[in-house]
Amino acid sequence: MFLAKHWILVYSFWTLLPFFSAVRTWNCCHFNSTQIVYQGLSTTINCYPKQDCFLINRNQFTAFTIVLRRNSSLCAYFYFNKSWTKQMCKDNIRLVWIPETEEISFDLLNVQINHSGIYTCTVDEYIPPPTRCVLIQRTFIHVVASPSVSVACIRGSDGAPTMLCAAEGFYPADLKQSWLTDGEYISYLNTSLTPTYDENLTSFHASRNYSKNRDGSYDVTSYLHPSRTITVYYCWVNHSGLSKPILVNISSAQCTERKEAFTDMFTGLFVRYMVVGILFGLLVVTALFIEVYYQHLTTSARHLWSTADANATSEPVSNHQVYQHELKQTYPL
C-alpha cells in the first residue's frame, strides 16, 4: 500500500514538472519529462540544447561533455573538434548525435523493471572558457510490466478439485483480480489495498498466494473450490500495464474430468505395480526353491561319495599275515 502511494505521488509530481520547464537558472536550462515504458522495450532520453539553450560559439574548437546519471554515472562522452570520445558507458545505453541540429540523446535498450527511476542528463561546455552548464534534463522513467494470466485445475491439499487463476510477472504491484460467475463477483482482490479477499458468497472458498520475484515483478495466484451446480467460472484481471482487463474462463467439468482421469491413472498404475510385484515375488520364490533344491542334491551326492570311498579303502592285510595263513593251510597241526 505504501509503495503504491509512493509511485502515485512521484508520477503526479513528474507529470506536472514540464509546465515549469525551460527555466534558466545560472545560465543553465532545466527540463523535466516523464516516460512510461513497457518492460523489454527501448526508450530515448532526450538531452540536447533546445531553442535558447544552444551552445555558444559552435565551431571546431567547441568542447563540451554530456553525462547521463541515475544515482551514479551511466554514460559519459567528450566532444571536441567535431568528434566524440567515449569516457564510459553501460552496455544497454547508446549515444545518438545529430550534428545538423545538435540533437543529443541516449537510447536505453531492453528496459527492465529495475531501470525505473530519474535519469539526469547534463551538458557542460568547456571551450570557450569559462566552463558553463548548458542544460540539465531530468527524465522520470516508469517501467510497466503487463501480467500474463492463466487458469488451470489442480488437486487441493484436501484432495478436492481446485481451480487456480495466476497473474504473473506484473509491475507495479497494483493489480485487481476477481472470480466471477453469471456476472456476479465471488471474490475480489485489490493488491493496492489490503491484499486479502472479500468473499461475497460464503459457499465459495477462495484463497490466494502473493509473492515478489527476483526481477522486481509480482505474482498473484488465487484458488477457488468449484461448486457442483455451476459449470463456468471467470477470472478477471486488471492492471495499469493492460489496455483493457483480461477475462479468461474455465469449466468446472474440466476439474471433474481431471479428477476422474487422475483416479483412472492411479488405479491403472496400482494394478500394474501389483502385477509386477506378484511376478517379482514368484520369481524370488522360484529362485529360492531352486537354490534349496540344489543345496539338497549337493549334500546327498557328497554323502554317497563319502560312503563309497570308505568301502574301497578298508584296513589292508600285511604280507606276514598272508604267509602265516598259507602255512596253516599247508601244514595243519
C-alpha atoms as a PDB file:
ATOM      1  CA  MET A   1       0.000   0.000   0.000  1.00  0.00           C
ATOM      2  CA  PHE A   2       2.820   2.409   0.865  1.00  0.00           C
ATOM      3  CA  LEU A   3       4.662   1.516  -2.347  1.00  0.00           C
ATOM      4  CA  ALA A   4       1.578   2.203  -4.451  1.00  0.00           C
ATOM      5  CA  LYS A   5       1.015   5.634  -2.882  1.00  0.00           C
ATOM      6  CA  HIS A   6       4.701   6.452  -3.330  1.00  0.00           C
ATOM      7  CA  TRP A   7       4.595   5.725  -7.048  1.00  0.00           C
ATOM      8  CA  ILE A   8       1.383   7.733  -7.486  1.00  0.00           C
ATOM      9  CA  LEU A   9       2.887  10.805  -5.804  1.00  0.00           C
ATOM     10  CA  VAL A  10       6.129  10.583  -7.785  1.00  0.00           C
ATOM     11  CA  TYR A  11       4.289  10.062 -11.042  1.00  0.00           C
ATOM     12  CA  SER A  12       1.962  13.051 -10.394  1.00  0.00           C
ATOM     13  CA  PHE A  13       4.917  15.262  -9.475  1.00  0.00           C
ATOM     14  CA  TRP A  14       6.886  14.493 -12.615  1.00  0.00           C
ATOM     15  CA  THR A  15       3.787  14.898 -14.772  1.00  0.00           C
ATOM     16  CA  LEU A  16       3.380  18.486 -13.595  1.00  0.00           C
ATOM     17  CA  LEU A  17       7.051  19.428 -13.923  1.00  0.00           C
ATOM     18  CA  PRO A  18       7.014  20.039 -17.712  1.00  0.00           C
ATOM     19  CA  PHE A  19       4.765  23.062 -17.109  1.00  0.00           C
ATOM     20  CA  PHE A  20       7.728  24.711 -15.363  1.00  0.00           C
ATOM     21  CA  SER A  21      10.319  23.668 -17.952  1.00  0.00           C
ATOM     22  CA  ALA A  22      12.725  25.896 -19.885  1.00  0.00           C
ATOM     23  CA  VAL A  23      13.555  27.886 -16.762  1.00  0.00           C
ATOM     24  CA  ARG A  24      17.059  29.373 -16.997  1.00  0.00           C
ATOM     25  CA  THR A  25      18.984  29.108 -13.725  1.00  0.00           C
ATOM     26  CA  TRP A  26      22.584  30.257 -13.538  1.00  0.00           C
ATOM     27  CA  ASN A  27      22.684  30.315 -17.350  1.00  0.00           C
ATOM     28  CA  CYS A  28      21.658  26.630 -17.397  1.00  0.00           C
ATOM     29  CA  CYS A  29      18.414  25.362 -18.917  1.00  0.00           C
ATOM     30  CA  HIS A  30      16.359  22.875 -16.929  1.00  0.00           C
ATOM     31  CA  PHE A  31      13.861  20.467 -18.480  1.00  0.00           C
ATOM     32  CA  ASN A  32      11.788  17.691 -16.983  1.00  0.00           C
ATOM     33  CA  SER A  33       9.755  14.938 -18.567  1.00  0.00           C
ATOM     34  CA  THR A  34       8.047  11.642 -17.783  1.00  0.00           C
ATOM     35  CA  GLN A  35       8.009   8.416 -19.765  1.00  0.00           C
ATOM     36  CA  ILE A  36       6.066   5.199 -19.268  1.00  0.00           C
ATOM     37  CA  VAL A  37       7.955   2.289 -20.825  1.00  0.00           C
ATOM     38  CA  TYR A  38       6.879  -1.332 -21.114  1.00  0.00           C
ATOM     39  CA  GLN A  39       9.328  -3.930 -19.905  1.00  0.00           C
ATOM     40  CA  GLY A  40      11.591  -5.306 -22.626  1.00  0.00           C
ATOM     41  CA  LEU A  41      11.199  -2.323 -24.956  1.00  0.00           C
ATOM     42  CA  SER A  42      13.599   0.557 -25.573  1.00  0.00           C
ATOM     43  CA  THR A  43      13.224   4.285 -24.998  1.00  0.00           C
ATOM     44  CA  THR A  44      15.044   7.513 -25.831  1.00  0.00           C
ATOM     45  CA  ILE A  45      16.193  10.064 -23.261  1.00  0.00           C
ATOM     46  CA  ASN A  46      16.493  13.438 -24.986  1.00  0.00           C
ATOM     47  CA  CYS A  47      19.174  15.742 -23.630  1.00  0.00           C
ATOM     48  CA  TYR A  48      20.021  18.196 -26.380  1.00  0.00           C
ATOM     49  CA  PRO A  49      20.002  22.016 -26.090  1.00  0.00           C
ATOM     50  CA  LYS A  50      16.654  23.432 -27.152  1.00  0.00           C
ATOM     51  CA  GLN A  51      15.809  26.843 -28.561  1.00  0.00           C
ATOM     52  CA  ASP A  52      17.518  29.378 -26.326  1.00  0.00           C
ATOM     53  CA  CYS A  53      19.869  26.766 -24.869  1.00  0.00           C
ATOM     54  CA  PHE A  54      22.086  26.365 -27.961  1.00  0.00           C
ATOM     55  CA  LEU A  55      25.786  26.115 -27.446  1.00  0.00           C
ATOM     56  CA  ILE A  56      27.630  29.398 -27.855  1.00  0.00           C
ATOM     57  CA  ASN A  57      30.381  29.834 -30.491  1.00  0.00           C
ATOM     58  CA  ARG A  58      29.735  26.481 -32.147  1.00  0.00           C
ATOM     59  CA  ASN A  59      32.880  25.780 -34.179  1.00  0.00           C
ATOM     60  CA  GLN A  60      35.615  23.171 -34.444  1.00  0.00           C
ATOM     61  CA  PHE A  61      37.138  24.396 -31.175  1.00  0.00           C
ATOM     62  CA  THR A  62      33.945  23.980 -29.184  1.00  0.00           C
ATOM     63  CA  ALA A  63      34.319  21.340 -26.461  1.00  0.00           C
ATOM     64  CA  PHE A  64      31.704  20.021 -24.056  1.00  0.00           C
ATOM     65  CA  THR A  65      30.793  16.924 -22.091  1.00  0.00           C
ATOM     66  CA  ILE A  66      27.498  15.095 -21.845  1.00  0.00           C
ATOM     67  CA  VAL A  67      26.789  12.789 -18.920  1.00  0.00           C
ATOM     68  CA  LEU A  68      23.806  10.554 -18.142  1.00  0.00           C
ATOM     69  CA  ARG A  69      23.260   9.648 -14.487  1.00  0.00           C
ATOM     70  CA  ARG A  70      20.871   7.649 -12.355  1.00  0.00           C
ATOM     71  CA  ASN A  71      22.179   7.530  -8.796  1.00  0.00           C
ATOM     72  CA  SER A  72      25.615   7.161 -10.427  1.00  0.00           C
ATOM     73  CA  SER A  73      27.143   7.886 -13.817  1.00  0.00           C
ATOM     74  CA  LEU A  74      25.829   5.610 -16.588  1.00  0.00           C
ATOM     75  CA  CYS A  75      27.350   7.099 -19.716  1.00  0.00           C
ATOM     76  CA  ALA A  76      29.756   9.979 -20.438  1.00  0.00           C
ATOM     77  CA  TYR A  77      31.126  11.413 -23.707  1.00  0.00           C
ATOM     78  CA  PHE A  78      33.521  14.257 -24.508  1.00  0.00           C
ATOM     79  CA  TYR A  79      33.026  16.301 -27.694  1.00  0.00           C
ATOM     80  CA  PHE A  80      35.892  18.193 -29.344  1.00  0.00           C
ATOM     81  CA  ASN A  81      36.932  19.032 -32.890  1.00  0.00           C
ATOM     82  CA  LYS A  82      33.620  17.662 -34.219  1.00  0.00           C
ATOM     83  CA  SER A  83      34.225  14.182 -32.840  1.00  0.00           C
ATOM     84  CA  TRP A  84      33.112  12.224 -29.779  1.00  0.00           C
ATOM     85  CA  THR A  85      35.289  10.376 -27.293  1.00  0.00           C
ATOM     86  CA  LYS A  86      33.609   7.837 -25.036  1.00  0.00           C
ATOM     87  CA  GLN A  87      34.747   8.047 -21.433  1.00  0.00           C
ATOM     88  CA  MET A  88      32.465   5.264 -20.154  1.00  0.00           C
ATOM     89  CA  CYS A  89      29.061   3.816 -20.995  1.00  0.00           C
ATOM     90  CA  LYS A  90      26.883   0.889 -19.908  1.00  0.00           C
ATOM     91  CA  ASP A  91      26.217  -1.854 -22.443  1.00  0.00           C
ATOM     92  CA  ASN A  92      22.485  -1.095 -22.685  1.00  0.00           C
ATOM     93  CA  ILE A  93      22.987   2.633 -23.403  1.00  0.00           C
ATOM     94  CA  ARG A  94      23.795   4.142 -26.785  1.00  0.00           C
ATOM     95  CA  LEU A  95      24.618   7.783 -27.627  1.00  0.00           C
ATOM     96  CA  VAL A  96      22.735   9.362 -30.549  1.00  0.00           C
ATOM     97  CA  TRP A  97      24.137  12.580 -32.081  1.00  0.00           C
ATOM     98  CA  ILE A  98      22.636  14.570 -34.971  1.00  0.00           C
ATOM     99  CA  PRO A  99      25.222  17.228 -35.894  1.00  0.00           C
ATOM    100  CA  GLU A 100      22.918  19.225 -38.191  1.00  0.00           C
ATOM    101  CA  THR A 101      20.550  20.077 -35.364  1.00  0.00           C
ATOM    102  CA  GLU A 102      22.908  19.384 -32.448  1.00  0.00           C
ATOM    103  CA  GLU A 103      20.363  16.967 -31.055  1.00  0.00           C
ATOM    104  CA  ILE A 104      21.827  14.692 -28.398  1.00  0.00           C
ATOM    105  CA  SER A 105      20.018  11.739 -26.860  1.00  0.00           C
ATOM    106  CA  PHE A 106      20.597   8.378 -25.232  1.00  0.00           C
ATOM    107  CA  ASP A 107      18.847   5.180 -26.257  1.00  0.00           C
ATOM    108  CA  LEU A 108      18.090   2.978 -23.265  1.00  0.00           C
ATOM    109  CA  LEU A 109      17.808  -0.577 -24.606  1.00  0.00           C
ATOM    110  CA  ASN A 110      15.839  -3.548 -23.259  1.00  0.00           C
ATOM    111  CA  VAL A 111      14.335  -1.670 -20.331  1.00  0.00           C
ATOM    112  CA  GLN A 112      13.713  -3.773 -17.229  1.00  0.00           C
ATOM    113  CA  ILE A 113      11.825  -3.134 -14.001  1.00  0.00           C
ATOM    114  CA  ASN A 114      14.966  -2.172 -12.089  1.00  0.00           C
ATOM    115  CA  HIS A 115      15.610   0.583 -14.653  1.00  0.00           C
ATOM    116  CA  SER A 116      12.769   2.665 -13.221  1.00  0.00           C
ATOM    117  CA  GLY A 117      13.911   5.966 -11.765  1.00  0.00           C
ATOM    118  CA  ILE A 118      15.039   9.515 -12.506  1.00  0.00           C
ATOM    119  CA  TYR A 119      17.655   9.951 -15.232  1.00  0.00           C
ATOM    120  CA  THR A 120      19.628  13.207 -15.344  1.00  0.00           C
ATOM    121  CA  CYS A 121      21.419  14.343 -18.476  1.00  0.00           C
ATOM    122  CA  THR A 122      23.836  17.280 -18.147  1.00  0.00           C
ATOM    123  CA  VAL A 123      25.651  19.186 -20.888  1.00  0.00           C
ATOM    124  CA  ASP A 124      28.646  21.288 -19.789  1.00  0.00           C
ATOM    125  CA  GLU A 125      30.658  23.495 -22.156  1.00  0.00           C
ATOM    126  CA  TYR A 126      34.423  23.780 -21.550  1.00  0.00           C
ATOM    127  CA  ILE A 127      35.663  25.629 -24.631  1.00  0.00           C
ATOM    128  CA  PRO A 128      35.491  28.544 -24.965  1.00  0.00           C
ATOM    129  CA  PRO A 129      36.034  29.308 -21.276  1.00  0.00           C
ATOM    130  CA  PRO A 130      34.710  29.846 -18.751  1.00  0.00           C
ATOM    131  CA  THR A 131      33.106  26.464 -18.142  1.00  0.00           C
ATOM    132  CA  ARG A 132      29.345  26.724 -18.038  1.00  0.00           C
ATOM    133  CA  CYS A 133      26.332  24.494 -17.633  1.00  0.00           C
ATOM    134  CA  VAL A 134      24.313  24.393 -20.819  1.00  0.00           C
ATOM    135  CA  LEU A 135      21.459  22.035 -19.929  1.00  0.00           C
ATOM    136  CA  ILE A 136      20.101  19.742 -17.237  1.00  0.00           C
ATOM    137  CA  GLN A 137      17.410  17.345 -18.450  1.00  0.00           C
ATOM    138  CA  ARG A 138      15.643  15.155 -15.892  1.00  0.00           C
ATOM    139  CA  THR A 139      13.518  12.279 -17.139  1.00  0.00           C
ATOM    140  CA  PHE A 140      11.432  10.089 -14.895  1.00  0.00           C
ATOM    141  CA  ILE A 141      11.108   6.604 -16.417  1.00  0.00           C
ATOM    142  CA  HIS A 142       8.322   4.452 -15.060  1.00  0.00           C
ATOM    143  CA  VAL A 143       8.624   0.832 -16.236  1.00  0.00           C
ATOM    144  CA  VAL A 144       5.427  -1.185 -16.527  1.00  0.00           C
ATOM    145  CA  ALA A 145       5.210  -4.973 -16.897  1.00  0.00           C
ATOM    146  CA  SER A 146       1.911  -6.486 -18.013  1.00  0.00           C
ATOM    147  CA  PRO A 147       0.683  -9.619 -16.255  1.00  0.00           C
ATOM    148  CA  SER A 148       0.306 -12.944 -18.007  1.00  0.00           C
ATOM    149  CA  VAL A 149      -2.931 -14.626 -16.912  1.00  0.00           C
ATOM    150  CA  SER A 150      -3.712 -18.339 -16.949  1.00  0.00           C
ATOM    151  CA  VAL A 151      -6.246 -20.701 -15.369  1.00  0.00           C
ATOM    152  CA  ALA A 152      -5.957 -24.402 -14.565  1.00  0.00           C
ATOM    153  CA  CYS A 153      -7.369 -27.235 -12.486  1.00  0.00           C
ATOM    154  CA  ILE A 154      -5.322 -28.819  -9.733  1.00  0.00           C
ATOM    155  CA  ARG A 155      -5.824 -31.061  -6.739  1.00  0.00           C
ATOM    156  CA  GLY A 156      -6.065 -29.176  -3.478  1.00  0.00           C
ATOM    157  CA  SER A 157      -4.361 -30.130  -0.239  1.00  0.00           C
ATOM    158  CA  ASP A 158      -7.565 -31.928   0.776  1.00  0.00           C
ATOM    159  CA  GLY A 159      -7.609 -33.873  -2.490  1.00  0.00           C
ATOM    160  CA  ALA A 160     -10.611 -31.961  -3.845  1.00  0.00           C
ATOM    161  CA  PRO A 161     -10.557 -30.438  -7.349  1.00  0.00           C
ATOM    162  CA  THR A 162      -9.447 -26.797  -7.214  1.00  0.00           C
ATOM    163  CA  MET A 163      -9.346 -24.041  -9.826  1.00  0.00           C
ATOM    164  CA  LEU A 164      -6.487 -21.540  -9.905  1.00  0.00           C
ATOM    165  CA  CYS A 165      -6.019 -18.211 -11.646  1.00  0.00           C
ATOM    166  CA  ALA A 166      -2.420 -16.980 -11.913  1.00  0.00           C
ATOM    167  CA  ALA A 167      -1.391 -13.407 -12.789  1.00  0.00           C
ATOM    168  CA  GLU A 168       2.384 -13.436 -13.160  1.00  0.00           C
ATOM    169  CA  GLY A 169       5.251 -11.038 -13.885  1.00  0.00           C
ATOM    170  CA  PHE A 170       3.415  -7.731 -13.408  1.00  0.00           C
ATOM    171  CA  TYR A 171       4.737  -4.370 -12.209  1.00  0.00           C
ATOM    172  CA  PRO A 172       3.910  -2.128 -10.387  1.00  0.00           C
ATOM    173  CA  ALA A 173       2.295  -4.118  -7.620  1.00  0.00           C
ATOM    174  CA  ASP A 174      -1.200  -2.635  -8.084  1.00  0.00           C
ATOM    175  CA  LEU A 175      -3.452  -5.298  -9.558  1.00  0.00           C
ATOM    176  CA  LYS A 176      -7.121  -6.238  -9.349  1.00  0.00           C
ATOM    177  CA  GLN A 177      -8.246  -9.832  -9.617  1.00  0.00           C
ATOM    178  CA  SER A 178     -11.690 -11.382  -9.247  1.00  0.00           C
ATOM    179  CA  TRP A 179     -13.563 -14.648  -9.642  1.00  0.00           C
ATOM    180  CA  LEU A 180     -16.964 -14.301 -11.309  1.00  0.00           C
ATOM    181  CA  THR A 181     -19.855 -16.492 -12.338  1.00  0.00           C
ATOM    182  CA  ASP A 182     -23.072 -15.462 -14.047  1.00  0.00           C
ATOM    183  CA  GLY A 183     -21.885 -11.847 -13.902  1.00  0.00           C
ATOM    184  CA  GLU A 184     -21.588 -11.863 -10.093  1.00  0.00           C
ATOM    185  CA  TYR A 185     -18.427 -11.471  -8.030  1.00  0.00           C
ATOM    186  CA  ILE A 186     -17.413 -14.485  -5.989  1.00  0.00           C
ATOM    187  CA  SER A 187     -14.250 -12.907  -4.584  1.00  0.00           C
ATOM    188  CA  TYR A 188     -12.298  -9.704  -5.161  1.00  0.00           C
ATOM    189  CA  LEU A 189      -8.634  -8.810  -4.636  1.00  0.00           C
ATOM    190  CA  ASN A 190      -7.066  -5.353  -4.880  1.00  0.00           C
ATOM    191  CA  THR A 191      -3.331  -5.527  -4.181  1.00  0.00           C
ATOM    192  CA  SER A 192      -3.016  -1.742  -3.865  1.00  0.00           C
ATOM    193  CA  LEU A 193      -5.145  -2.062  -0.734  1.00  0.00           C
ATOM    194  CA  THR A 194      -5.031  -4.831   1.835  1.00  0.00           C
ATOM    195  CA  PRO A 195      -4.083  -7.955  -0.158  1.00  0.00           C
ATOM    196  CA  THR A 196      -6.953 -10.123   1.079  1.00  0.00           C
ATOM    197  CA  TYR A 197     -10.127 -11.436  -0.452  1.00  0.00           C
ATOM    198  CA  ASP A 198     -13.607 -10.058   0.168  1.00  0.00           C
ATOM    199  CA  GLU A 199     -15.805 -13.094  -0.224  1.00  0.00           C
ATOM    200  CA  ASN A 200     -19.326 -12.115  -1.215  1.00  0.00           C
ATOM    201  CA  LEU A 201     -20.645 -15.668  -1.168  1.00  0.00           C
ATOM    202  CA  THR A 202     -19.880 -17.815   1.864  1.00  0.00           C
ATOM    203  CA  SER A 203     -20.499 -21.024  -0.086  1.00  0.00           C
ATOM    204  CA  PHE A 204     -17.285 -20.452  -2.025  1.00  0.00           C
ATOM    205  CA  HIS A 205     -13.856 -20.932  -0.507  1.00  0.00           C
ATOM    206  CA  ALA A 206     -11.202 -18.695  -2.075  1.00  0.00           C
ATOM    207  CA  SER A 207      -7.567 -18.229  -1.109  1.00  0.00           C
ATOM    208  CA  ARG A 208      -4.576 -16.506  -2.660  1.00  0.00           C
ATOM    209  CA  ASN A 209      -0.788 -16.525  -2.840  1.00  0.00           C
ATOM    210  CA  TYR A 210       1.025 -13.181  -3.302  1.00  0.00           C
ATOM    211  CA  SER A 211       4.782 -13.117  -3.986  1.00  0.00           C
ATOM    212  CA  LYS A 212       7.591 -10.921  -5.351  1.00  0.00           C
ATOM    213  CA  ASN A 213      10.113 -12.196  -7.899  1.00  0.00           C
ATOM    214  CA  ARG A 214      13.839 -11.544  -8.080  1.00  0.00           C
ATOM    215  CA  ASP A 215      13.460  -9.158 -11.019  1.00  0.00           C
ATOM    216  CA  GLY A 216      11.089  -6.960  -9.007  1.00  0.00           C
ATOM    217  CA  SER A 217       7.873  -8.193 -10.622  1.00  0.00           C
ATOM    218  CA  TYR A 218       4.962  -9.717  -8.708  1.00  0.00           C
ATOM    219  CA  ASP A 219       2.818 -12.853  -8.908  1.00  0.00           C
ATOM    220  CA  VAL A 220      -0.681 -13.419  -7.579  1.00  0.00           C
ATOM    221  CA  THR A 221      -2.336 -16.837  -7.663  1.00  0.00           C
ATOM    222  CA  SER A 222      -5.893 -17.304  -6.385  1.00  0.00           C
ATOM    223  CA  TYR A 223      -7.562 -20.648  -5.693  1.00  0.00           C
ATOM    224  CA  LEU A 224     -11.256 -21.494  -5.752  1.00  0.00           C
ATOM    225  CA  HIS A 225     -13.153 -24.667  -4.923  1.00  0.00           C
ATOM    226  CA  PRO A 226     -15.839 -25.022  -7.608  1.00  0.00           C
ATOM    227  CA  SER A 227     -19.473 -25.661  -6.839  1.00  0.00           C
ATOM    228  CA  ARG A 228     -21.234 -28.679  -8.333  1.00  0.00           C
ATOM    229  CA  THR A 229     -24.145 -26.535  -9.505  1.00  0.00           C
ATOM    230  CA  ILE A 230     -22.058 -24.030 -11.517  1.00  0.00           C
ATOM    231  CA  THR A 231     -20.385 -25.048 -14.739  1.00  0.00           C
ATOM    232  CA  VAL A 232     -18.389 -21.992 -15.922  1.00  0.00           C
ATOM    233  CA  TYR A 233     -16.212 -19.619 -13.890  1.00  0.00           C
ATOM    234  CA  TYR A 234     -14.386 -16.453 -14.982  1.00  0.00           C
ATOM    235  CA  CYS A 235     -11.141 -14.947 -13.752  1.00  0.00           C
ATOM    236  CA  TRP A 236     -10.979 -11.169 -14.284  1.00  0.00           C
ATOM    237  CA  VAL A 237      -7.645  -9.301 -14.041  1.00  0.00           C
ATOM    238  CA  ASN A 238      -6.921  -5.591 -14.488  1.00  0.00           C
ATOM    239  CA  HIS A 239      -3.578  -3.770 -14.340  1.00  0.00           C
ATOM    240  CA  SER A 240      -2.044  -0.474 -15.455  1.00  0.00           C
ATOM    241  CA  GLY A 241       0.037  -2.379 -17.999  1.00  0.00           C
ATOM    242  CA  LEU A 242      -3.092  -3.611 -19.795  1.00  0.00           C
ATOM    243  CA  SER A 243      -5.064  -1.687 -22.390  1.00  0.00           C
ATOM    244  CA  LYS A 244      -8.169  -3.474 -21.124  1.00  0.00           C
ATOM    245  CA  PRO A 245      -8.912  -6.093 -18.432  1.00  0.00           C
ATOM    246  CA  ILE A 246      -8.244  -9.760 -19.158  1.00  0.00           C
ATOM    247  CA  LEU A 247     -11.118 -12.211 -18.758  1.00  0.00           C
ATOM    248  CA  VAL A 248     -10.498 -15.956 -19.002  1.00  0.00           C
ATOM    249  CA  ASN A 249     -12.949 -18.766 -18.288  1.00  0.00           C
ATOM    250  CA  ILE A 250     -12.676 -22.296 -17.019  1.00  0.00           C
ATOM    251  CA  SER A 251     -15.240 -25.071 -16.738  1.00  0.00           C
ATOM    252  CA  SER A 252     -15.781 -26.991 -13.531  1.00  0.00           C
ATOM    253  CA  ALA A 253     -16.249 -30.065 -15.724  1.00  0.00           C
ATOM    254  CA  GLN A 254     -12.577 -29.828 -16.625  1.00  0.00           C
ATOM    255  CA  CYS A 255     -11.685 -30.207 -12.969  1.00  0.00           C
ATOM    256  CA  THR A 256     -14.081 -33.158 -12.588  1.00  0.00           C
ATOM    257  CA  GLU A 257     -12.713 -34.835 -15.704  1.00  0.00           C
ATOM    258  CA  ARG A 258      -9.210 -34.180 -14.469  1.00  0.00           C
ATOM    259  CA  LYS A 259     -10.034 -35.809 -11.135  1.00  0.00           C
ATOM    260  CA  GLU A 260     -11.574 -38.868 -12.846  1.00  0.00           C
ATOM    261  CA  ALA A 261      -8.632 -39.108 -15.212  1.00  0.00           C
ATOM    262  CA  PHE A 262      -6.264 -38.886 -12.281  1.00  0.00           C
ATOM    263  CA  THR A 263      -8.212 -41.589 -10.446  1.00  0.00           C
ATOM    264  CA  ASP A 264      -8.182 -43.862 -13.500  1.00  0.00           C
ATOM    265  CA  MET A 265      -4.490 -43.256 -13.976  1.00  0.00           C
ATOM    266  CA  PHE A 266      -3.829 -44.005 -10.303  1.00  0.00           C
ATOM    267  CA  THR A 267      -5.901 -47.216 -10.499  1.00  0.00           C
ATOM    268  CA  GLY A 268      -4.101 -48.335 -13.640  1.00  0.00           C
ATOM    269  CA  LEU A 269      -0.711 -47.681 -12.109  1.00  0.00           C
ATOM    270  CA  PHE A 270      -1.724 -49.524  -8.944  1.00  0.00           C
ATOM    271  CA  VAL A 271      -2.826 -52.610 -10.918  1.00  0.00           C
ATOM    272  CA  ARG A 272       0.360 -52.546 -12.980  1.00  0.00           C
ATOM    273  CA  TYR A 273       2.590 -52.265  -9.941  1.00  0.00           C
ATOM    274  CA  MET A 274       0.613 -55.033  -8.183  1.00  0.00           C
ATOM    275  CA  VAL A 275       1.037 -57.417 -11.138  1.00  0.00           C
ATOM    276  CA  VAL A 276       4.731 -56.594 -11.382  1.00  0.00           C
ATOM    277  CA  GLY A 277       5.078 -57.164  -7.629  1.00  0.00           C
ATOM    278  CA  ILE A 278       3.381 -60.564  -7.808  1.00  0.00           C
ATOM    279  CA  LEU A 279       5.548 -61.692 -10.724  1.00  0.00           C
ATOM    280  CA  PHE A 280       8.654 -60.484  -8.945  1.00  0.00           C
ATOM    281  CA  GLY A 281       7.608 -62.361  -5.800  1.00  0.00           C
ATOM    282  CA  LEU A 282       7.055 -65.579  -7.764  1.00  0.00           C
ATOM    283  CA  LEU A 283      10.444 -65.152  -9.381  1.00  0.00           C
ATOM    284  CA  VAL A 284      12.110 -64.733  -5.999  1.00  0.00           C
ATOM    285  CA  VAL A 285      10.306 -67.803  -4.547  1.00  0.00           C
ATOM    286  CA  THR A 286      11.295 -69.908  -7.586  1.00  0.00           C
ATOM    287  CA  ALA A 287      14.914 -68.825  -7.273  1.00  0.00           C
ATOM    288  CA  LEU A 288      14.940 -69.706  -3.563  1.00  0.00           C
ATOM    289  CA  PHE A 289      13.370 -73.122  -4.270  1.00  0.00           C
ATOM    290  CA  ILE A 290      15.983 -73.897  -6.925  1.00  0.00           C
ATOM    291  CA  GLU A 291      18.755 -72.821  -4.574  1.00  0.00           C
ATOM    292  CA  VAL A 292      17.472 -75.026  -1.709  1.00  0.00           C
ATOM    293  CA  TYR A 293      16.943 -77.999  -4.037  1.00  0.00           C
ATOM    294  CA  TYR A 294      20.449 -77.573  -5.459  1.00  0.00           C
ATOM    295  CA  GLN A 295      21.933 -77.492  -1.952  1.00  0.00           C
ATOM    296  CA  HIS A 296      19.979 -80.692  -1.074  1.00  0.00           C
ATOM    297  CA  LEU A 297      21.279 -82.509  -4.163  1.00  0.00           C
ATOM    298  CA  THR A 298      24.832 -81.375  -3.466  1.00  0.00           C
ATOM    299  CA  THR A 299      24.659 -82.636   0.132  1.00  0.00           C
ATOM    300  CA  SER A 300      23.229 -86.010  -0.929  1.00  0.00           C
ATOM    301  CA  ALA A 301      25.918 -86.526  -3.569  1.00  0.00           C
ATOM    302  CA  ARG A 302      28.661 -85.737  -1.116  1.00  0.00           C
ATOM    303  CA  HIS A 303      27.232 -88.318   1.341  1.00  0.00           C
ATOM    304  CA  LEU A 304      27.175 -91.062  -1.314  1.00  0.00           C
ATOM    305  CA  TRP A 305      30.713 -90.307  -2.399  1.00  0.00           C
ATOM    306  CA  SER A 306      31.939 -90.482   1.223  1.00  0.00           C
ATOM    307  CA  THR A 307      30.351 -93.986   1.760  1.00  0.00           C
ATOM    308  CA  ALA A 308      31.891 -95.427  -1.434  1.00  0.00           C
ATOM    309  CA  ASP A 309      35.314 -94.171  -0.514  1.00  0.00           C
ATOM    310  CA  ALA A 310      35.032 -95.720   2.959  1.00  0.00           C
ATOM    311  CA  ASN A 311      34.257 -99.194   1.490  1.00  0.00           C
ATOM    312  CA  ALA A 312      37.013 -99.019  -1.073  1.00  0.00           C
ATOM    313  CA  THR A 313      39.658 -98.075   1.483  1.00  0.00           C
ATOM    314  CA  SER A 314      39.150-100.780   4.249  1.00  0.00           C
ATOM    315  CA  GLU A 315      42.146-101.801   6.538  1.00  0.00           C
ATOM    316  CA  PRO A 316      44.874-103.602   4.436  1.00  0.00           C
ATOM    317  CA  VAL A 317      46.266-107.129   5.273  1.00  0.00           C
ATOM    318  CA  SER A 318      50.056-107.414   5.734  1.00  0.00           C
ATOM    319  CA  ASN A 319      52.275-109.973   3.868  1.00  0.00           C
ATOM    320  CA  HIS A 320      53.221-111.619   7.146  1.00  0.00           C
ATOM    321  CA  GLN A 321      49.600-112.361   7.915  1.00  0.00           C
ATOM    322  CA  VAL A 322      49.120-113.916   4.448  1.00  0.00           C
ATOM    323  CA  TYR A 323      52.220-116.102   4.904  1.00  0.00           C
ATOM    324  CA  GLN A 324      51.026-117.384   8.261  1.00  0.00           C
ATOM    325  CA  HIS A 325      47.665-118.256   6.779  1.00  0.00           C
ATOM    326  CA  GLU A 326      49.222-120.234   3.942  1.00  0.00           C
ATOM    327  CA  LEU A 327      51.460-122.204   6.367  1.00  0.00           C
ATOM    328  CA  LYS A 328      48.409-123.206   8.397  1.00  0.00           C
ATOM    329  CA  GLN A 329      46.718-124.434   5.261  1.00  0.00           C
ATOM    330  CA  THR A 330      49.805-126.459   4.135  1.00  0.00           C
ATOM    331  CA  TYR A 331      50.920-127.925   7.480  1.00  0.00           C
ATOM    332  CA  PRO A 332      47.985-128.271   9.719  1.00  0.00           C
ATOM    333  CA  LEU A 333      48.631-129.165  13.312  1.00  0.00           C
END
